[in-house]
């Protein structure tokens, strides 16, 4: 009885497989199947994103200003260059060369962020000016 059930199940699976293969082979027309069509959300962008960028200018500006304020803070501000420099000095004073080397590398990177963020802020000012000439009232305001 078990072999009969297994044979019937195998035959049903084979029939389903052959039916699916037959319809796939018969579908050789030039019209794509519904599953082959592109998803509607996968449309190519129509513009260069300038309008969306103009809307985001105030938030981007605030984020850059916050980062610069933190990096330029004194040695009590978490994330500041001065605080990390103090940690490097403390590690050197204790003779922890491995820790000092690690912190120096972090300090070098953190110091390189300041000119990068200053450049981005300058570039963003130019974008803000451009957006103002395009009639976008949200970002045309000066800092």
N, C-alpha and C. Protein backbone atom coordinates (compact mmCIF):
# COMPACT_ATOMS: atom_id res chain seq x y z
N UNK A 1 0.82 -1.19 0.00
CA UNK A 1 0.00 0.00 0.00
C UNK A 1 0.87 1.26 0.00
N UNK A 2 1.97 1.22 0.74
CA UNK A 2 2.85 2.38 0.75
C UNK A 2 3.50 2.60 -0.60
N UNK A 3 3.82 1.51 -1.29
CA UNK A 3 4.45 1.67 -2.60
C UNK A 3 3.47 2.24 -3.60
N UNK A 4 2.18 1.92 -3.45
CA UNK A 4 1.17 2.46 -4.35
C UNK A 4 1.04 3.96 -4.14
N UNK A 5 1.02 4.41 -2.89
CA UNK A 5 0.93 5.85 -2.59
C UNK A 5 2.15 6.58 -3.12
N UNK A 6 3.31 5.99 -2.95
CA UNK A 6 4.54 6.62 -3.42
C UNK A 6 4.53 6.72 -4.94
N UNK A 7 4.04 5.66 -5.62
CA UNK A 7 4.00 5.66 -7.07
C UNK A 7 3.01 6.71 -7.58
N UNK A 8 1.86 6.83 -6.92
CA UNK A 8 0.86 7.83 -7.31
C UNK A 8 1.42 9.24 -7.10
N UNK A 9 2.09 9.45 -5.98
CA UNK A 9 2.66 10.77 -5.70
C UNK A 9 3.74 11.11 -6.71
N UNK A 10 4.56 10.14 -7.06
CA UNK A 10 5.63 10.37 -8.03
C UNK A 10 5.03 10.67 -9.41
N UNK A 11 3.99 9.95 -9.78
CA UNK A 11 3.35 10.18 -11.07
C UNK A 11 2.72 11.56 -11.13
N UNK A 12 2.10 11.98 -10.03
CA UNK A 12 1.48 13.31 -9.99
C UNK A 12 2.55 14.39 -10.09
N UNK A 13 3.67 14.21 -9.42
CA UNK A 13 4.76 15.19 -9.48
C UNK A 13 5.33 15.26 -10.88
N UNK A 14 5.49 14.08 -11.53
CA UNK A 14 6.01 14.05 -12.89
C UNK A 14 5.05 14.72 -13.87
N UNK A 15 3.75 14.49 -13.69
CA UNK A 15 2.76 15.11 -14.55
C UNK A 15 2.77 16.63 -14.39
N UNK A 16 2.89 17.12 -13.17
CA UNK A 16 2.95 18.56 -12.93
C UNK A 16 4.20 19.16 -13.56
N UNK A 17 5.31 18.45 -13.45
CA UNK A 17 6.56 18.93 -14.02
C UNK A 17 6.47 18.99 -15.55
N UNK A 18 5.93 17.95 -16.15
CA UNK A 18 5.81 17.93 -17.61
C UNK A 18 4.83 18.98 -18.11
N UNK A 19 3.77 19.23 -17.36
CA UNK A 19 2.80 20.25 -17.75
C UNK A 19 3.45 21.63 -17.72
N UNK A 20 4.22 21.89 -16.68
CA UNK A 20 4.89 23.19 -16.58
C UNK A 20 5.93 23.34 -17.67
N UNK A 21 6.65 22.29 -17.99
CA UNK A 21 7.66 22.35 -19.04
C UNK A 21 7.01 22.54 -20.39
N UNK A 22 5.88 21.92 -20.61
CA UNK A 22 5.18 22.06 -21.89
C UNK A 22 4.69 23.47 -22.11
N UNK A 23 4.15 24.11 -21.09
CA UNK A 23 3.68 25.48 -21.25
C UNK A 23 4.84 26.44 -21.40
N UNK A 24 5.96 26.15 -20.77
CA UNK A 24 7.13 27.02 -20.92
C UNK A 24 7.70 26.90 -22.32
N UNK A 25 7.68 25.70 -22.88
CA UNK A 25 8.19 25.51 -24.23
C UNK A 25 7.25 26.14 -25.25
N UNK A 26 5.97 26.13 -24.99
CA UNK A 26 5.01 26.70 -25.92
C UNK A 26 5.02 28.22 -25.90
N UNK A 27 5.53 28.83 -24.86
CA UNK A 27 5.54 30.29 -24.72
C UNK A 27 6.81 30.85 -25.35
N UNK A 28 6.90 30.79 -26.67
CA UNK A 28 8.07 31.32 -27.35
C UNK A 28 7.72 32.57 -28.14
N UNK A 29 6.56 33.16 -27.87
CA UNK A 29 6.13 34.37 -28.57
C UNK A 29 6.98 35.56 -28.17
N UNK A 30 6.74 36.69 -28.83
CA UNK A 30 7.54 37.88 -28.57
C UNK A 30 7.04 38.68 -27.38
N UNK A 31 5.87 38.39 -26.87
CA UNK A 31 5.37 39.15 -25.73
C UNK A 31 5.95 38.57 -24.45
N UNK A 32 6.52 39.44 -23.59
CA UNK A 32 7.10 38.93 -22.35
C UNK A 32 6.00 38.51 -21.38
N UNK A 33 6.35 37.55 -20.55
CA UNK A 33 5.40 37.09 -19.54
C UNK A 33 5.24 38.17 -18.47
N UNK A 34 4.14 38.14 -17.71
CA UNK A 34 3.94 39.17 -16.69
C UNK A 34 5.06 39.19 -15.65
N UNK A 35 5.65 38.03 -15.38
CA UNK A 35 6.71 38.01 -14.38
C UNK A 35 8.01 38.59 -14.92
N UNK A 36 8.16 38.68 -16.25
CA UNK A 36 9.38 39.20 -16.84
C UNK A 36 9.36 40.72 -16.97
N UNK A 37 8.20 41.34 -16.79
CA UNK A 37 8.11 42.80 -16.90
C UNK A 37 8.82 43.46 -15.74
N UNK A 38 9.32 44.65 -15.98
CA UNK A 38 10.01 45.39 -14.93
C UNK A 38 9.02 45.82 -13.86
N UNK A 39 9.48 45.81 -12.65
CA UNK A 39 8.66 46.24 -11.52
C UNK A 39 8.42 47.74 -11.65
N UNK A 40 7.19 48.22 -11.38
CA UNK A 40 6.92 49.66 -11.55
C UNK A 40 7.81 50.54 -10.69
N UNK A 41 8.26 50.06 -9.54
CA UNK A 41 9.11 50.88 -8.68
C UNK A 41 10.53 50.97 -9.20
N UNK A 42 10.88 50.16 -10.20
CA UNK A 42 12.23 50.14 -10.73
C UNK A 42 12.40 51.08 -11.92
N UNK A 43 11.59 52.10 -12.01
CA UNK A 43 11.69 53.07 -13.10
C UNK A 43 12.98 53.86 -12.98
N UNK A 44 13.50 54.24 -14.11
CA UNK A 44 14.70 55.07 -14.11
C UNK A 44 14.32 56.48 -13.65
N UNK A 45 15.21 57.14 -12.92
CA UNK A 45 14.90 58.50 -12.50
C UNK A 45 14.79 59.42 -13.71
N UNK A 46 13.88 60.37 -13.60
CA UNK A 46 13.63 61.26 -14.73
C UNK A 46 14.51 62.50 -14.69
N UNK A 47 14.96 62.93 -13.53
CA UNK A 47 15.77 64.14 -13.44
C UNK A 47 17.10 63.85 -12.79
N UNK A 48 17.80 64.90 -12.43
CA UNK A 48 19.10 64.74 -11.80
C UNK A 48 19.03 64.79 -10.28
N UNK A 49 17.85 64.92 -9.72
CA UNK A 49 17.68 64.94 -8.27
C UNK A 49 17.90 66.31 -7.65
N UNK A 50 17.97 67.34 -8.46
CA UNK A 50 18.25 68.68 -7.95
C UNK A 50 17.14 69.18 -7.04
N UNK A 51 15.91 68.90 -7.39
CA UNK A 51 14.79 69.38 -6.59
C UNK A 51 14.82 68.75 -5.20
N UNK A 52 15.11 67.45 -5.15
CA UNK A 52 15.20 66.76 -3.86
C UNK A 52 16.38 67.27 -3.05
N UNK A 53 17.49 67.54 -3.73
CA UNK A 53 18.66 68.07 -3.04
C UNK A 53 18.36 69.44 -2.45
N UNK A 54 17.66 70.27 -3.19
CA UNK A 54 17.32 71.60 -2.69
C UNK A 54 16.47 71.50 -1.43
N UNK A 55 15.60 70.49 -1.35
CA UNK A 55 14.79 70.32 -0.15
C UNK A 55 15.63 69.87 1.04
N UNK A 56 16.71 69.13 0.77
CA UNK A 56 17.52 68.58 1.85
C UNK A 56 18.63 69.52 2.32
N UNK A 57 18.86 70.62 1.62
CA UNK A 57 19.98 71.52 1.96
C UNK A 57 19.97 71.96 3.42
N UNK A 58 18.85 72.39 4.00
CA UNK A 58 18.91 72.82 5.40
C UNK A 58 19.33 71.71 6.36
N UNK A 59 18.86 70.49 6.14
CA UNK A 59 19.24 69.39 7.02
C UNK A 59 20.70 69.00 6.84
N UNK A 60 21.16 69.00 5.61
CA UNK A 60 22.57 68.69 5.35
C UNK A 60 23.46 69.74 6.01
N UNK A 61 23.07 71.00 5.88
CA UNK A 61 23.83 72.09 6.46
C UNK A 61 23.90 71.95 7.98
N UNK A 62 22.79 71.63 8.60
CA UNK A 62 22.77 71.47 10.06
C UNK A 62 23.66 70.31 10.49
N UNK A 63 23.64 69.21 9.71
CA UNK A 63 24.46 68.05 10.06
C UNK A 63 25.95 68.37 9.94
N UNK A 64 26.34 69.10 8.89
CA UNK A 64 27.74 69.49 8.73
C UNK A 64 28.17 70.43 9.86
N UNK A 65 27.30 71.39 10.19
CA UNK A 65 27.62 72.33 11.27
C UNK A 65 27.79 71.62 12.61
N UNK A 66 26.90 70.65 12.90
CA UNK A 66 27.02 69.88 14.14
C UNK A 66 28.33 69.12 14.20
N UNK A 67 28.71 68.50 13.09
CA UNK A 67 29.95 67.72 13.06
C UNK A 67 31.16 68.63 13.25
N UNK A 68 31.17 69.78 12.58
CA UNK A 68 32.29 70.71 12.75
C UNK A 68 32.36 71.26 14.17
N UNK A 69 31.22 71.55 14.75
CA UNK A 69 31.20 72.06 16.12
C UNK A 69 31.76 71.01 17.08
N UNK A 70 31.38 69.75 16.86
CA UNK A 70 31.88 68.67 17.72
C UNK A 70 33.39 68.50 17.53
N UNK A 71 33.86 68.46 16.28
CA UNK A 71 35.28 68.25 16.02
C UNK A 71 36.14 69.39 16.56
N UNK A 72 35.63 70.61 16.49
CA UNK A 72 36.40 71.77 16.95
C UNK A 72 36.20 72.08 18.43
N UNK A 73 35.46 71.24 19.13
CA UNK A 73 35.20 71.47 20.55
C UNK A 73 36.44 71.31 21.41
N UNK A 74 36.29 71.67 22.69
CA UNK A 74 37.43 71.55 23.60
C UNK A 74 37.59 70.11 24.08
N UNK A 75 38.49 69.88 25.02
CA UNK A 75 38.80 68.52 25.44
C UNK A 75 37.72 67.87 26.32
N UNK A 76 36.64 68.58 26.58
CA UNK A 76 35.53 67.96 27.31
C UNK A 76 34.42 67.48 26.38
N UNK A 77 34.52 67.81 25.10
CA UNK A 77 33.50 67.44 24.13
C UNK A 77 33.84 66.09 23.51
N UNK A 78 32.92 65.13 23.66
CA UNK A 78 33.14 63.81 23.07
C UNK A 78 33.21 63.92 21.55
N UNK A 79 34.22 63.29 20.95
CA UNK A 79 34.38 63.32 19.51
C UNK A 79 35.23 64.46 19.02
N UNK A 80 35.71 65.31 19.90
CA UNK A 80 36.52 66.45 19.45
C UNK A 80 37.97 66.03 19.22
N UNK A 81 38.64 66.79 18.39
CA UNK A 81 40.05 66.56 18.12
C UNK A 81 40.86 66.80 19.39
N UNK A 82 40.51 67.83 20.13
CA UNK A 82 41.25 68.16 21.36
C UNK A 82 41.15 67.03 22.39
N UNK A 83 39.99 66.42 22.51
CA UNK A 83 39.83 65.33 23.48
C UNK A 83 40.66 64.12 23.06
N UNK A 84 40.65 63.81 21.78
CA UNK A 84 41.44 62.68 21.31
C UNK A 84 42.93 62.97 21.46
N UNK A 85 43.34 64.21 21.22
CA UNK A 85 44.74 64.58 21.42
C UNK A 85 45.14 64.40 22.88
N UNK A 86 44.25 64.75 23.78
CA UNK A 86 44.52 64.57 25.21
C UNK A 86 44.68 63.09 25.55
N UNK A 87 43.87 62.24 24.93
CA UNK A 87 43.97 60.80 25.16
C UNK A 87 45.30 60.25 24.63
N UNK A 88 45.75 60.78 23.48
CA UNK A 88 47.04 60.37 22.94
C UNK A 88 48.16 60.78 23.89
N UNK A 89 48.09 62.00 24.39
CA UNK A 89 49.10 62.49 25.32
C UNK A 89 49.13 61.65 26.59
N UNK A 90 47.95 61.28 27.11
CA UNK A 90 47.89 60.45 28.31
C UNK A 90 48.49 59.07 28.06
N UNK A 91 48.21 58.49 26.89
CA UNK A 91 48.76 57.16 26.57
C UNK A 91 50.28 57.23 26.43
N UNK A 92 50.76 58.30 25.83
CA UNK A 92 52.22 58.47 25.73
C UNK A 92 52.86 58.65 27.10
N UNK A 93 52.21 59.39 27.98
CA UNK A 93 52.74 59.62 29.32
C UNK A 93 52.82 58.32 30.12
N UNK A 94 51.85 57.43 29.91
CA UNK A 94 51.84 56.15 30.62
C UNK A 94 52.78 55.12 29.96
N UNK A 95 53.25 55.42 28.76
CA UNK A 95 54.12 54.48 28.07
C UNK A 95 53.36 53.41 27.30
N UNK A 96 52.08 53.61 27.08
CA UNK A 96 51.27 52.64 26.32
C UNK A 96 51.43 52.94 24.83
N UNK A 97 52.49 52.42 24.23
CA UNK A 97 52.80 52.76 22.84
C UNK A 97 51.77 52.19 21.87
N UNK A 98 51.24 51.00 22.13
CA UNK A 98 50.25 50.40 21.23
C UNK A 98 48.97 51.23 21.22
N UNK A 99 48.54 51.63 22.41
CA UNK A 99 47.32 52.44 22.52
C UNK A 99 47.56 53.81 21.89
N UNK A 100 48.73 54.39 22.14
CA UNK A 100 49.05 55.71 21.59
C UNK A 100 49.08 55.66 20.06
N UNK A 101 49.64 54.61 19.50
CA UNK A 101 49.68 54.48 18.03
C UNK A 101 48.28 54.36 17.46
N UNK A 102 47.45 53.55 18.09
CA UNK A 102 46.07 53.39 17.64
C UNK A 102 45.33 54.73 17.70
N UNK A 103 45.47 55.44 18.81
CA UNK A 103 44.78 56.71 18.95
C UNK A 103 45.33 57.78 18.01
N UNK A 104 46.63 57.74 17.72
CA UNK A 104 47.21 58.70 16.78
C UNK A 104 46.61 58.52 15.39
N UNK A 105 46.41 57.26 15.00
CA UNK A 105 45.79 57.00 13.70
C UNK A 105 44.36 57.54 13.65
N UNK A 106 43.62 57.35 14.72
CA UNK A 106 42.26 57.91 14.79
C UNK A 106 42.30 59.42 14.76
N UNK A 107 43.29 60.00 15.47
CA UNK A 107 43.43 61.46 15.51
C UNK A 107 43.74 62.02 14.12
N UNK A 108 44.60 61.35 13.39
CA UNK A 108 44.95 61.79 12.04
C UNK A 108 43.71 61.80 11.15
N UNK A 109 42.92 60.74 11.24
CA UNK A 109 41.70 60.68 10.44
C UNK A 109 40.73 61.78 10.86
N UNK A 110 40.55 61.95 12.15
CA UNK A 110 39.60 62.96 12.64
C UNK A 110 40.03 64.35 12.22
N UNK A 111 41.32 64.62 12.22
CA UNK A 111 41.81 65.93 11.79
C UNK A 111 41.58 66.13 10.29
N UNK A 112 41.61 65.04 9.53
CA UNK A 112 41.38 65.17 8.09
C UNK A 112 39.91 65.44 7.77
N UNK A 113 39.02 65.17 8.71
CA UNK A 113 37.61 65.43 8.49
C UNK A 113 37.29 66.92 8.44
N UNK A 114 38.03 67.72 9.18
CA UNK A 114 37.73 69.15 9.29
C UNK A 114 37.82 69.85 7.93
N UNK A 115 38.92 69.72 7.18
CA UNK A 115 38.94 70.39 5.87
C UNK A 115 37.91 69.81 4.90
N UNK A 116 37.64 68.52 5.01
CA UNK A 116 36.64 67.90 4.14
C UNK A 116 35.26 68.48 4.40
N UNK A 117 34.91 68.60 5.67
CA UNK A 117 33.60 69.16 6.02
C UNK A 117 33.51 70.65 5.69
N UNK A 118 34.63 71.37 5.85
CA UNK A 118 34.64 72.78 5.46
C UNK A 118 34.39 72.92 3.96
N UNK A 119 35.00 72.06 3.16
CA UNK A 119 34.79 72.09 1.71
C UNK A 119 33.35 71.75 1.37
N UNK A 120 32.78 70.76 2.04
CA UNK A 120 31.38 70.41 1.79
C UNK A 120 30.45 71.55 2.15
N UNK A 121 30.77 72.26 3.22
CA UNK A 121 29.94 73.39 3.63
C UNK A 121 30.00 74.49 2.58
N UNK A 122 31.18 74.75 2.03
CA UNK A 122 31.33 75.75 0.98
C UNK A 122 30.56 75.32 -0.27
N UNK A 123 30.68 74.05 -0.64
CA UNK A 123 29.95 73.54 -1.80
C UNK A 123 28.44 73.63 -1.59
N UNK A 124 28.02 73.36 -0.37
CA UNK A 124 26.59 73.41 -0.06
C UNK A 124 26.07 74.85 -0.14
N UNK A 125 26.91 75.82 0.21
CA UNK A 125 26.51 77.22 0.06
C UNK A 125 26.25 77.55 -1.41
N UNK A 126 27.09 77.01 -2.29
CA UNK A 126 26.89 77.22 -3.73
C UNK A 126 25.59 76.55 -4.20
N UNK A 127 25.30 75.37 -3.67
CA UNK A 127 24.05 74.69 -4.02
C UNK A 127 22.86 75.49 -3.53
N UNK A 128 22.96 76.03 -2.32
CA UNK A 128 21.88 76.84 -1.76
C UNK A 128 21.61 78.06 -2.64
N UNK A 129 22.67 78.70 -3.09
CA UNK A 129 22.53 79.86 -3.98
C UNK A 129 21.87 79.44 -5.29
N UNK A 130 22.31 78.32 -5.86
CA UNK A 130 21.73 77.84 -7.10
C UNK A 130 20.25 77.51 -6.92
N UNK A 131 19.91 76.87 -5.82
CA UNK A 131 18.51 76.52 -5.56
C UNK A 131 17.66 77.79 -5.44
N UNK A 132 18.23 78.83 -4.85
CA UNK A 132 17.51 80.10 -4.74
C UNK A 132 17.22 80.71 -6.10
N UNK A 133 18.12 80.52 -7.05
CA UNK A 133 17.89 81.07 -8.38
C UNK A 133 16.88 80.24 -9.17
N UNK A 134 16.64 79.03 -8.72
CA UNK A 134 15.70 78.14 -9.41
C UNK A 134 14.28 78.29 -8.89
N UNK A 135 14.11 79.15 -7.89
CA UNK A 135 12.77 79.41 -7.35
C UNK A 135 12.40 78.49 -6.22
N UNK A 136 13.38 77.81 -5.62
CA UNK A 136 13.09 76.96 -4.48
C UNK A 136 13.27 77.78 -3.21
N UNK A 137 12.16 78.08 -2.55
CA UNK A 137 12.19 78.97 -1.39
C UNK A 137 12.71 78.29 -0.14
N UNK A 138 12.71 76.95 -0.08
CA UNK A 138 13.09 76.28 1.16
C UNK A 138 14.56 76.36 1.44
N UNK A 139 15.41 76.33 0.39
CA UNK A 139 16.83 76.30 0.65
C UNK A 139 17.55 77.57 0.20
N UNK A 140 16.86 78.50 -0.38
CA UNK A 140 17.49 79.71 -0.86
C UNK A 140 17.88 80.66 0.26
N UNK A 141 17.45 80.36 1.48
CA UNK A 141 17.77 81.22 2.62
C UNK A 141 19.23 81.08 2.99
N UNK A 142 19.84 82.17 3.36
CA UNK A 142 21.23 82.13 3.79
C UNK A 142 21.33 81.54 5.17
N UNK A 143 22.53 81.12 5.51
CA UNK A 143 22.77 80.53 6.85
C UNK A 143 22.42 81.49 7.94
